[in-house]
């Protein structure tokens, strides 16, 4: 399976494009490529649907500052993992509005590191529980004094 296309190239913007530039380009692509415009030609409609979906997906990532920060640092896989963790994506507007993009990236990086450490510990067989039984009666026994 091929890797997904770069979101910046899909929208035709540079990586230092402003949020307004990204939004304008996405709006232009979604208007030009809307599948309903190609309802008479089935092949063109399918092609437009695929391009429309790519543009929508790219804007979903690049249009959100937290998603974009994670994408810039960790790529497609990072955004996918952040969505699974509930850090970015649909339904997280309240939680992301309370954090800056830098805080979201930091939280994602921490979760990623902790998950990798847990996987490594599991692979190496490190961790778990240990039971220890200690009879401390002799430590606390009073010395015998013979009075006699």
Protein backbone atom coordinates (compact mmCIF):
# COMPACT_ATOMS: atom_id res chain seq x y z
CA UNK A 1 0.00 0.00 0.00
CA UNK A 2 1.36 3.41 -0.92
CA UNK A 3 1.76 6.13 1.63
CA UNK A 4 -0.85 8.90 1.66
CA UNK A 5 0.02 12.05 -0.26
CA UNK A 6 1.51 15.02 1.52
CA UNK A 7 -1.31 17.26 2.73
CA UNK A 8 0.53 20.42 1.68
CA UNK A 9 0.97 19.19 -1.89
CA UNK A 10 -2.68 18.06 -2.05
CA UNK A 11 -3.81 21.62 -1.31
CA UNK A 12 -0.99 23.21 -3.29
CA UNK A 13 0.33 25.29 -0.39
CA UNK A 14 3.74 25.52 1.22
CA UNK A 15 4.45 24.28 4.73
CA UNK A 16 4.70 27.87 5.96
CA UNK A 17 1.30 28.86 4.56
CA UNK A 18 -0.95 30.83 6.89
CA UNK A 19 -4.19 29.29 8.18
CA UNK A 20 -6.10 31.74 5.95
CA UNK A 21 -4.14 30.56 2.87
CA UNK A 22 -4.84 26.93 3.74
CA UNK A 23 -8.56 27.64 4.21
CA UNK A 24 -8.80 29.57 0.94
CA UNK A 25 -7.06 26.84 -1.04
CA UNK A 26 -9.19 24.12 0.54
CA UNK A 27 -12.37 26.06 -0.22
CA UNK A 28 -11.25 26.54 -3.84
CA UNK A 29 -10.47 22.83 -4.29
CA UNK A 30 -13.68 21.69 -2.66
CA UNK A 31 -15.69 24.05 -4.89
CA UNK A 32 -13.90 23.00 -8.09
CA UNK A 33 -13.88 19.29 -7.30
CA UNK A 34 -17.31 18.83 -5.75
CA UNK A 35 -18.67 15.52 -7.11
CA UNK A 36 -22.09 17.00 -7.86
CA UNK A 37 -20.53 19.10 -10.64
CA UNK A 38 -19.67 15.90 -12.52
CA UNK A 39 -22.99 14.08 -12.24
CA UNK A 40 -23.23 13.42 -16.02
CA UNK A 41 -19.83 11.73 -16.36
CA UNK A 42 -19.42 8.75 -14.00
CA UNK A 43 -15.64 8.41 -14.47
CA UNK A 44 -15.08 12.13 -13.89
CA UNK A 45 -17.38 12.00 -10.86
CA UNK A 46 -15.37 9.17 -9.29
CA UNK A 47 -12.12 11.00 -9.93
CA UNK A 48 -13.60 14.19 -8.47
CA UNK A 49 -14.86 12.28 -5.41
CA UNK A 50 -11.38 10.93 -4.72
CA UNK A 51 -9.76 14.35 -5.17
CA UNK A 52 -12.48 16.02 -3.07
CA UNK A 53 -11.88 13.49 -0.28
CA UNK A 54 -8.09 14.07 -0.39
CA UNK A 55 -8.61 17.85 -0.22
CA UNK A 56 -11.09 17.50 2.65
CA UNK A 57 -8.75 15.19 4.57
CA UNK A 58 -5.83 17.57 4.01
CA UNK A 59 -7.85 20.53 5.24
CA UNK A 60 -9.07 18.58 8.29
CA UNK A 61 -5.43 18.21 9.35
CA UNK A 62 -3.95 21.50 8.16
CA UNK A 63 -6.96 23.59 9.17
CA UNK A 64 -6.62 22.68 12.84
CA UNK A 65 -3.52 24.16 14.49
CA UNK A 66 -3.00 21.22 16.87
CA UNK A 67 -3.38 18.61 14.11
CA UNK A 68 -1.08 20.60 11.86
CA UNK A 69 1.60 20.84 14.56
CA UNK A 70 1.49 17.06 15.08
CA UNK A 71 1.49 16.45 11.30
CA UNK A 72 4.52 18.70 10.84
CA UNK A 73 6.47 16.87 13.53
CA UNK A 74 5.26 13.25 13.25
CA UNK A 75 3.57 12.96 9.84
CA UNK A 76 0.48 10.94 8.90
CA UNK A 77 1.08 8.28 11.55
CA UNK A 78 1.33 10.89 14.26
CA UNK A 79 -2.03 12.43 13.33
CA UNK A 80 -3.64 8.98 13.19
CA UNK A 81 -2.32 8.08 16.65
CA UNK A 82 -3.33 11.48 18.07
CA UNK A 83 -6.87 10.90 16.75
CA UNK A 84 -6.98 7.51 18.45
CA UNK A 85 -5.84 9.14 21.70
CA UNK A 86 -8.57 11.77 21.32
CA UNK A 87 -6.09 14.64 21.16
CA UNK A 88 -7.19 15.92 17.75
CA UNK A 89 -9.99 15.38 15.29
CA UNK A 90 -13.73 15.59 15.27
CA UNK A 91 -15.37 15.76 18.66
CA UNK A 92 -12.30 17.19 20.40
CA UNK A 93 -13.01 20.89 19.85
CA UNK A 94 -13.51 21.60 23.56
CA UNK A 95 -10.42 19.74 24.72
CA UNK A 96 -8.17 21.23 22.04
CA UNK A 97 -9.49 24.73 22.63
CA UNK A 98 -8.22 24.47 26.21
CA UNK A 99 -4.70 23.56 25.04
CA UNK A 100 -2.31 25.31 22.72
CA UNK A 101 -0.97 23.36 19.71
CA UNK A 102 2.38 23.10 21.50
CA UNK A 103 0.69 21.57 24.57
CA UNK A 104 -1.18 19.11 22.34
CA UNK A 105 2.05 18.07 20.61
CA UNK A 106 3.77 17.73 24.00
CA UNK A 107 0.92 15.58 25.32
CA UNK A 108 1.01 13.42 22.19
CA UNK A 109 4.80 13.00 22.41
CA UNK A 110 4.50 12.01 26.09
CA UNK A 111 1.77 9.45 25.32
CA UNK A 112 3.82 8.09 22.43
CA UNK A 113 6.94 7.75 24.62
CA UNK A 114 5.00 6.06 27.44
CA UNK A 115 3.38 3.62 24.99
CA UNK A 116 6.77 2.76 23.46
CA UNK A 117 8.27 2.24 26.93
CA UNK A 118 5.39 -0.05 27.84
CA UNK A 119 5.83 -2.03 24.62
CA UNK A 120 9.58 -2.34 25.25
CA UNK A 121 9.03 -3.47 28.83
CA UNK A 122 6.52 -6.03 27.60
CA UNK A 123 8.93 -7.28 24.90
CA UNK A 124 11.77 -7.59 27.40
CA UNK A 125 9.62 -9.13 30.11
CA UNK A 126 10.35 -6.27 32.48
CA UNK A 127 7.84 -5.18 35.07
CA UNK A 128 5.04 -7.02 36.74
CA UNK A 129 4.47 -7.90 40.34
CA UNK A 130 6.70 -9.58 42.85
CA UNK A 131 5.53 -11.19 46.05
CA UNK A 132 7.82 -11.31 49.03
CA UNK A 133 7.05 -13.11 52.23
CA UNK A 134 8.99 -12.07 55.28
CA UNK A 135 8.67 -13.42 58.79
CA UNK A 136 9.62 -10.49 61.00
CA UNK A 137 8.72 -12.15 64.30
CA UNK A 138 12.36 -12.71 65.19
CA UNK A 139 13.18 -9.07 64.54
CA UNK A 140 10.61 -7.85 67.03
CA UNK A 141 10.82 -10.57 69.65
CA UNK A 142 11.69 -9.29 73.09
CA UNK A 143 14.89 -10.61 74.56
CA UNK A 144 14.49 -13.14 77.34
CA UNK A 145 15.53 -12.03 80.74
CA UNK A 146 15.89 -14.69 83.36
CA UNK A 147 15.33 -13.34 86.81
CA UNK A 148 16.21 -15.80 89.23
